[in-house]
Amino acid sequence: MTYKNAGVDIDAGNRFVQMIKPLVKATHRPEVITEIGGFGGLFSLHAEKYQKPTLVASTDGVGTKLKIAFMMDKHDTVGIDLVAMCVNDIIVQGAEPLFFLDYLATGKLSPEKAQHIVKGIAEGCIQAGCALIGGETAEMPGFYSEGEYDLAGFTVGIVDNNAIIDGSSITVGDRLIGLTSSGLHSNGYSLARKVFFDHMNLTVDSQLEELNRPLGEELLTPTRIYVKTILNLLRDFQIKGMAHITGGGLLENVPRMLPNNCQAVIEKNSWPKPAIFELLRQAGQIDETEMFRTLNYGIGMVLAVPEAETEEILVRLSGLKETAFVIGEITRSAQDGEPTVMLV
């Protein structure tokens, strides 16, 4: 017996590493001082650039959006989602992502398919400005269904201690700016699959009048990465707080940036809802509160900014090719205590 007989092909793994070396190299920043293939990735921190450097870390996955990739046999964009879910989480604290690592687990390694996955991860890192400095590919026979895999990612960023954004300065009268999402991003896919595929009996190839492309392509649209946009804003404007709108939607994520006794009043009709959300809501007869609590509903990032800077920030966002809307403001909670969100 050999390891290959048992289902693990070491030669395929080695071939895969050689295939992805150019993809990984393309993401490297000057601080990277190792090539892929070592036991650990080395990254020179250059801490002298900061007065009190603070590291910020995050980890996440892609979730059941991967099921759409399996159904379409298209694997070159889910890596963007993987990076986005991590780097968008740390930019809300003002941290610039420095490097990224990935974990790919599958029942049987296909070097060609895995190369497509890493191509997406590398593209996400380029969009975020961080370096892909390592990862792990686990071949686990019998653990995953044929053709399926799972992804996890890890990022580390840096911010000066006195520049950490924690929402503590948010006050009554501050405005809320919403940056639009590209679609469902990477949350709510268990609900979406149940509605579209189980309830409506659609397929990934289904053409719907409301969409200008097949359903599967719409659902596989990569998550927006907001890092470079936010870093640009932080150079010139005061961003008091930020919320990455992931699982839990606006109702659960916006309070995470608010100090006690503050309430975010969100005008629910202040931005156009993308067609995919309205299709999902109508077909599934989904309650409005459920939509706002489960999905991003068209807003992927929320910024709390001073009223006086709101218009200038919107002009800058437009110049950065972002679509953004003033979606609400901060008021005092009716009752003292935990921060809340009110939809009007």
Protein backbone atom coordinates (compact mmCIF):
# COMPACT_ATOMS: atom_id res chain seq x y z
CA MET A 1 0.00 0.00 0.00
CA THR A 2 1.04 3.57 -0.64
CA TYR A 3 -0.34 6.95 0.40
CA LYS A 4 -1.54 7.37 -3.20
CA ASN A 5 -3.46 4.09 -2.95
CA ALA A 6 -5.14 5.53 0.15
CA GLY A 7 -6.24 8.59 -1.80
CA VAL A 8 -3.52 11.19 -1.16
CA ASP A 9 -1.34 12.11 -4.14
CA ILE A 10 1.83 13.88 -2.96
CA ASP A 11 3.03 14.38 -6.54
CA ALA A 12 -0.20 16.18 -7.43
CA GLY A 13 0.29 18.41 -4.42
CA ASN A 14 3.81 19.28 -5.48
CA ARG A 15 2.65 20.01 -9.02
CA PHE A 16 -0.06 22.30 -7.64
CA VAL A 17 2.51 24.31 -5.65
CA GLN A 18 4.57 24.86 -8.80
CA MET A 19 1.44 25.91 -10.72
CA ILE A 20 0.47 28.63 -8.24
CA LYS A 21 3.91 30.17 -7.62
CA PRO A 22 3.44 32.94 -10.25
CA LEU A 23 -0.03 33.77 -8.85
CA VAL A 24 1.32 34.08 -5.33
CA LYS A 25 4.37 36.08 -6.43
CA ALA A 26 2.10 38.66 -8.09
CA THR A 27 0.58 39.57 -4.70
CA HIS A 28 3.83 40.17 -2.85
CA ARG A 29 4.61 43.47 -1.16
CA PRO A 30 8.19 44.62 -0.50
CA GLU A 31 7.91 43.35 3.10
CA VAL A 32 7.63 39.71 1.98
CA ILE A 33 10.97 37.96 2.41
CA THR A 34 10.13 34.31 1.69
CA GLU A 35 8.92 32.36 -1.32
CA ILE A 36 6.01 29.93 -1.19
CA GLY A 37 6.98 26.44 -0.09
CA GLY A 38 8.58 27.10 3.28
CA PHE A 39 7.20 26.05 6.63
CA GLY A 40 6.12 29.61 7.39
CA GLY A 41 5.76 32.90 5.57
CA LEU A 42 8.08 35.70 6.67
CA PHE A 43 6.93 39.31 6.55
CA SER A 44 9.05 42.25 7.71
CA LEU A 45 6.78 44.48 9.79
CA HIS A 46 8.65 47.79 9.36
CA ALA A 47 7.22 48.86 12.70
CA GLU A 48 9.34 52.01 12.65
CA LYS A 49 6.67 53.57 10.42
CA TYR A 50 4.24 53.52 13.34
CA GLN A 51 4.30 55.18 16.76
CA LYS A 52 2.43 52.34 18.45
CA PRO A 53 1.82 49.60 15.89
CA THR A 54 -1.16 47.36 16.62
CA LEU A 55 -1.83 44.15 14.72
CA VAL A 56 -5.42 43.30 13.78
CA ALA A 57 -6.37 39.79 12.66
CA SER A 58 -9.45 38.14 11.19
CA THR A 59 -10.47 34.74 9.84
CA ASP A 60 -13.47 33.65 7.80
CA GLY A 61 -14.73 31.37 5.05
CA VAL A 62 -16.97 31.52 2.00
CA GLY A 63 -19.84 29.43 3.37
CA THR A 64 -22.43 27.69 1.23
CA LYS A 65 -21.76 30.05 -1.68
CA LEU A 66 -19.27 27.32 -2.54
CA LYS A 67 -22.26 25.15 -3.48
CA ILE A 68 -22.95 27.54 -6.37
CA ALA A 69 -19.34 27.17 -7.52
CA PHE A 70 -19.72 23.38 -7.42
CA MET A 71 -22.97 23.52 -9.40
CA MET A 72 -21.39 25.75 -12.05
CA ASP A 73 -17.97 24.11 -11.95
CA LYS A 74 -16.54 27.63 -11.77
CA HIS A 75 -13.90 28.19 -9.12
CA ASP A 76 -11.91 31.31 -10.01
CA THR A 77 -13.96 33.86 -8.03
CA VAL A 78 -14.69 32.27 -4.64
CA GLY A 79 -11.15 33.14 -3.59
CA ILE A 80 -12.05 36.81 -3.95
CA ASP A 81 -14.94 36.21 -1.55
CA LEU A 82 -12.58 34.52 0.88
CA VAL A 83 -10.19 37.47 0.97
CA ALA A 84 -13.03 40.01 1.07
CA MET A 85 -14.69 38.52 4.12
CA CYS A 86 -11.45 38.82 6.08
CA VAL A 87 -9.97 42.12 4.91
CA ASN A 88 -13.30 43.98 5.05
CA ASP A 89 -13.54 42.96 8.69
CA ILE A 90 -10.24 44.55 9.69
CA ILE A 91 -10.47 47.71 7.57
CA VAL A 92 -13.42 48.79 9.73
CA GLN A 93 -10.93 49.32 12.56
CA GLY A 94 -8.67 51.35 10.30
CA ALA A 95 -6.20 48.50 9.78
CA GLU A 96 -4.37 48.09 6.48
CA PRO A 97 -4.24 44.37 5.54
CA LEU A 98 -0.63 43.20 5.30
CA PHE A 99 -0.75 39.54 4.45
CA PHE A 100 -3.12 36.63 3.89
CA LEU A 101 -3.02 32.86 4.30
CA ASP A 102 -5.52 30.34 2.99
CA TYR A 103 -6.64 26.82 3.88
CA LEU A 104 -8.05 24.59 1.14
CA ALA A 105 -9.42 21.18 2.08
CA THR A 106 -10.74 18.63 -0.40
CA GLY A 107 -11.37 14.93 -0.74
CA LYS A 108 -9.18 14.52 -3.82
CA LEU A 109 -6.88 17.26 -5.04
CA SER A 110 -7.31 18.46 -8.62
CA PRO A 111 -4.30 20.71 -9.24
CA GLU A 112 -6.08 22.47 -12.10
CA LYS A 113 -9.20 23.24 -10.05
CA ALA A 114 -7.11 24.29 -7.06
CA GLN A 115 -5.11 26.62 -9.31
CA HIS A 116 -8.36 28.37 -10.29
CA ILE A 117 -9.24 28.76 -6.61
CA VAL A 118 -5.86 30.29 -5.78
CA LYS A 119 -6.16 32.55 -8.83
CA GLY A 120 -9.22 34.08 -7.14
CA ILE A 121 -7.45 34.36 -3.80
CA ALA A 122 -4.51 36.12 -5.47
CA GLU A 123 -6.89 38.51 -7.24
CA GLY A 124 -8.58 39.30 -3.92
CA CYS A 125 -5.20 40.00 -2.34
CA ILE A 126 -4.28 42.35 -5.18
CA GLN A 127 -7.59 44.20 -4.77
CA ALA A 128 -6.91 44.52 -1.03
CA GLY A 129 -3.22 45.36 -1.39
CA CYS A 130 -2.09 42.49 0.83
CA ALA A 131 0.38 39.69 0.16
CA LEU A 132 -0.48 36.00 -0.09
CA ILE A 133 2.42 34.54 1.87
CA GLY A 134 1.34 30.95 2.45
CA GLY A 135 -1.41 28.46 3.01
CA GLU A 136 -2.32 24.83 3.45
CA THR A 137 -3.82 22.35 1.03
CA ALA A 138 -5.31 19.31 2.76
CA GLU A 139 -6.26 16.23 0.78
CA MET A 140 -8.70 14.24 2.93
CA PRO A 141 -10.12 11.17 1.16
CA GLY A 142 -13.60 10.20 2.28
CA PHE A 143 -14.14 13.39 4.23
CA TYR A 144 -15.61 15.55 1.46
CA SER A 145 -18.03 14.58 -1.31
CA GLU A 146 -16.52 14.11 -4.74
CA GLY A 147 -15.67 17.43 -6.38
CA GLU A 148 -16.30 19.47 -3.23
CA TYR A 149 -13.94 21.45 -1.04
CA ASP A 150 -13.92 24.01 1.74
CA LEU A 151 -12.02 27.27 2.11
CA ALA A 152 -10.88 29.31 5.07
CA GLY A 153 -8.74 32.43 5.15
CA PHE A 154 -6.72 34.44 7.63
CA THR A 155 -5.45 37.99 7.39
CA VAL A 156 -3.28 40.22 9.56
CA GLY A 157 -3.26 44.00 9.28
CA ILE A 158 -1.72 46.92 11.10
CA VAL A 159 -2.91 50.25 12.47
CA ASP A 160 -1.36 52.87 14.72
CA ASN A 161 -2.84 52.56 18.18
CA ASN A 162 -3.97 56.18 18.17
CA ALA A 163 -5.69 55.69 14.80
CA ILE A 164 -7.82 52.68 15.74
CA ILE A 165 -11.44 53.23 14.76
CA ASP A 166 -13.71 51.85 17.47
CA GLY A 167 -16.83 53.97 17.15
CA SER A 168 -16.35 55.62 20.53
CA SER A 169 -16.45 59.12 19.02
CA ILE A 170 -19.79 58.61 17.26
CA THR A 171 -22.30 61.21 18.42
CA VAL A 172 -25.86 62.31 17.83
CA GLY A 173 -26.18 63.99 14.43
CA ASP A 174 -23.50 61.96 12.66
CA ARG A 175 -24.56 60.65 9.27
CA LEU A 176 -24.52 57.09 8.00
CA ILE A 177 -23.16 56.50 4.51
CA GLY A 178 -23.83 53.16 2.86
CA LEU A 179 -21.51 51.75 0.19
CA THR A 180 -23.39 49.46 -2.14
CA SER A 181 -22.72 45.74 -2.35
CA SER A 182 -22.23 43.72 -5.52
CA GLY A 183 -25.00 41.31 -4.53
CA LEU A 184 -25.42 38.78 -1.75
CA HIS A 185 -21.64 38.83 -1.13
CA SER A 186 -21.04 35.70 0.98
CA ASN A 187 -24.01 35.58 3.35
CA GLY A 188 -27.53 34.20 3.20
CA TYR A 189 -26.82 31.51 0.63
CA SER A 190 -28.55 28.77 2.59
CA LEU A 191 -31.73 30.84 2.36
CA ALA A 192 -31.12 31.79 -1.28
CA ARG A 193 -30.51 28.19 -2.34
CA LYS A 194 -33.64 27.03 -0.53
CA VAL A 195 -35.79 29.66 -2.26
CA PHE A 196 -34.34 29.50 -5.76
CA PHE A 197 -33.49 25.81 -6.10
CA ASP A 198 -35.83 24.00 -3.70
CA HIS A 199 -38.91 26.23 -3.76
CA MET A 200 -38.77 27.63 -7.31
CA ASN A 201 -37.01 24.60 -8.87
CA LEU A 202 -34.61 26.86 -10.76
CA THR A 203 -31.10 25.94 -11.87
CA VAL A 204 -27.90 27.94 -12.14
CA ASP A 205 -28.64 28.26 -15.88
CA SER A 206 -32.11 29.73 -15.36
CA GLN A 207 -32.69 33.04 -17.16
CA LEU A 208 -34.92 35.40 -15.20
CA GLU A 209 -36.46 38.51 -16.70
CA GLU A 210 -35.25 40.67 -13.82
CA LEU A 211 -31.61 39.63 -14.24
CA ASN A 212 -29.38 40.30 -17.23
CA ARG A 213 -27.45 37.05 -16.81
CA PRO A 214 -28.07 33.46 -15.65
CA LEU A 215 -29.01 32.98 -12.01
CA GLY A 216 -25.80 31.13 -11.18
CA GLU A 217 -23.60 33.94 -12.50
CA GLU A 218 -25.57 36.45 -10.44
CA LEU A 219 -25.21 34.39 -7.28
CA LEU A 220 -21.49 33.85 -7.87
CA THR A 221 -20.74 37.59 -8.18
CA PRO A 222 -17.66 38.22 -5.98
CA THR A 223 -17.87 40.15 -2.73
CA ARG A 224 -16.78 43.79 -2.95
CA ILE A 225 -13.45 44.60 -1.32
CA TYR A 226 -13.58 48.09 0.20
CA VAL A 227 -10.02 48.32 1.56
CA LYS A 228 -8.41 50.75 -0.89
CA THR A 229 -11.49 52.99 -0.87
CA ILE A 230 -11.50 53.21 2.93
CA LEU A 231 -7.75 53.82 3.15
CA ASN A 232 -8.17 56.67 0.69
CA LEU A 233 -10.93 58.23 2.79
CA LEU A 234 -8.95 57.89 6.00
CA ARG A 235 -6.17 60.07 4.61
CA ASP A 236 -8.42 63.13 4.40
CA PHE A 237 -11.63 62.59 6.36
CA GLN A 238 -12.80 61.66 9.81
CA ILE A 239 -14.46 58.26 9.75
CA LYS A 240 -15.83 57.71 13.25
CA GLY A 241 -17.03 54.16 12.84
CA MET A 242 -17.54 51.45 10.23
CA ALA A 243 -19.58 48.29 9.94
CA HIS A 244 -18.98 45.48 7.46
CA ILE A 245 -22.45 44.18 6.59
CA THR A 246 -22.14 40.42 6.66
CA GLY A 247 -24.23 37.73 8.38
CA GLY A 248 -26.79 39.52 10.52
CA GLY A 249 -27.33 42.25 7.96
CA LEU A 250 -27.75 45.90 8.86
CA LEU A 251 -29.75 45.12 11.99
CA GLU A 252 -27.01 43.07 13.65
CA ASN A 253 -23.82 44.64 12.29
CA VAL A 254 -24.42 48.39 12.55
CA PRO A 255 -24.84 48.25 16.38
CA ARG A 256 -21.37 46.68 16.62
CA MET A 257 -19.79 50.05 15.79
CA LEU A 258 -22.02 52.18 18.03
CA PRO A 259 -21.32 53.36 21.57
CA ASN A 260 -23.93 52.86 24.25
CA ASN A 261 -27.00 55.12 24.23
CA CYS A 262 -26.78 55.63 20.46
CA GLN A 263 -29.33 54.58 17.89
CA ALA A 264 -28.81 54.27 14.16
CA VAL A 265 -31.93 55.45 12.34
CA ILE A 266 -31.78 53.90 8.87
CA GLU A 267 -34.07 55.04 6.08
CA LYS A 268 -34.83 51.73 4.43
CA ASN A 269 -35.86 53.29 1.09
CA SER A 270 -32.81 55.55 0.77
CA TRP A 271 -30.99 53.26 -1.68
CA PRO A 272 -32.18 51.08 -4.59
CA LYS A 273 -32.36 47.38 -3.82
CA PRO A 274 -30.62 45.16 -6.39
CA ALA A 275 -32.93 42.89 -8.35
CA ILE A 276 -31.58 39.68 -6.80
CA PHE A 277 -32.78 40.74 -3.36
CA GLU A 278 -36.28 41.62 -4.52
CA LEU A 279 -36.52 38.34 -6.41
CA LEU A 280 -35.53 36.48 -3.28
CA ARG A 281 -37.91 38.42 -1.05
CA GLN A 282 -40.93 37.97 -3.31
CA ALA A 283 -40.34 34.35 -4.25
CA GLY A 284 -39.68 33.32 -0.67
CA GLN A 285 -42.34 35.61 0.82
CA ILE A 286 -39.62 36.75 3.21
CA ASP A 287 -40.51 39.23 5.93
CA GLU A 288 -38.82 42.64 5.68
CA THR A 289 -37.14 42.27 9.07
CA GLU A 290 -35.76 38.89 8.00
CA MET A 291 -34.30 40.49 4.86
CA PHE A 292 -32.56 43.22 6.84
CA ARG A 293 -31.31 40.75 9.45
CA THR A 294 -30.09 37.98 7.13
CA LEU A 295 -28.76 39.76 4.03
CA ASN A 296 -26.82 42.92 3.27
CA TYR A 297 -29.82 44.05 1.16
CA GLY A 298 -27.61 46.06 -1.17
CA ILE A 299 -25.32 47.77 1.37
CA GLY A 300 -21.94 46.15 2.00
CA MET A 301 -20.28 48.74 4.23
CA VAL A 302 -21.62 51.51 6.48
CA LEU A 303 -19.61 54.55 7.55
CA ALA A 304 -20.46 56.88 10.45
CA VAL A 305 -19.18 60.35 9.56
CA PRO A 306 -19.57 63.94 10.80
CA GLU A 307 -22.47 65.76 9.16
CA ALA A 308 -20.15 68.55 8.01
CA GLU A 309 -17.97 66.14 5.99
CA THR A 310 -20.76 64.06 4.48
CA GLU A 311 -21.04 65.79 1.10
CA GLU A 312 -17.28 65.90 0.53
CA ILE A 313 -17.00 62.21 1.36
CA LEU A 314 -19.77 61.39 -1.12
CA VAL A 315 -17.92 63.36 -3.81
CA ARG A 316 -14.71 61.47 -3.06
CA LEU A 317 -16.54 58.13 -3.14
CA SER A 318 -17.97 58.99 -6.53
CA GLY A 319 -14.48 59.80 -7.75
CA LEU A 320 -13.35 56.40 -6.50
CA LYS A 321 -16.11 54.76 -8.59
CA GLU A 322 -18.10 53.81 -5.51
CA THR A 323 -21.88 54.04 -5.41
CA ALA A 324 -22.87 55.41 -2.01
CA PHE A 325 -25.91 56.90 -0.30
CA VAL A 326 -26.69 58.68 2.92
CA ILE A 327 -28.86 55.99 4.52
CA GLY A 328 -29.49 57.44 7.98
CA GLU A 329 -28.19 59.24 11.02
CA ILE A 330 -27.32 58.76 14.67
CA THR A 331 -29.82 59.69 17.36
CA ARG A 332 -29.98 59.08 21.07
CA SER A 333 -31.58 55.83 22.12
CA ALA A 334 -35.07 56.16 23.51
CA GLN A 335 -33.85 54.16 26.47
CA ASP A 336 -30.34 54.28 27.89
CA GLY A 337 -28.32 51.17 27.29
CA GLU A 338 -27.23 48.99 24.39
CA PRO A 339 -26.94 50.55 20.92
CA THR A 340 -29.82 49.82 18.57
CA VAL A 341 -30.99 50.19 14.96
CA MET A 342 -34.36 51.55 13.91
CA LEU A 343 -35.68 51.21 10.38
CA VAL A 344 -37.92 54.02 9.15
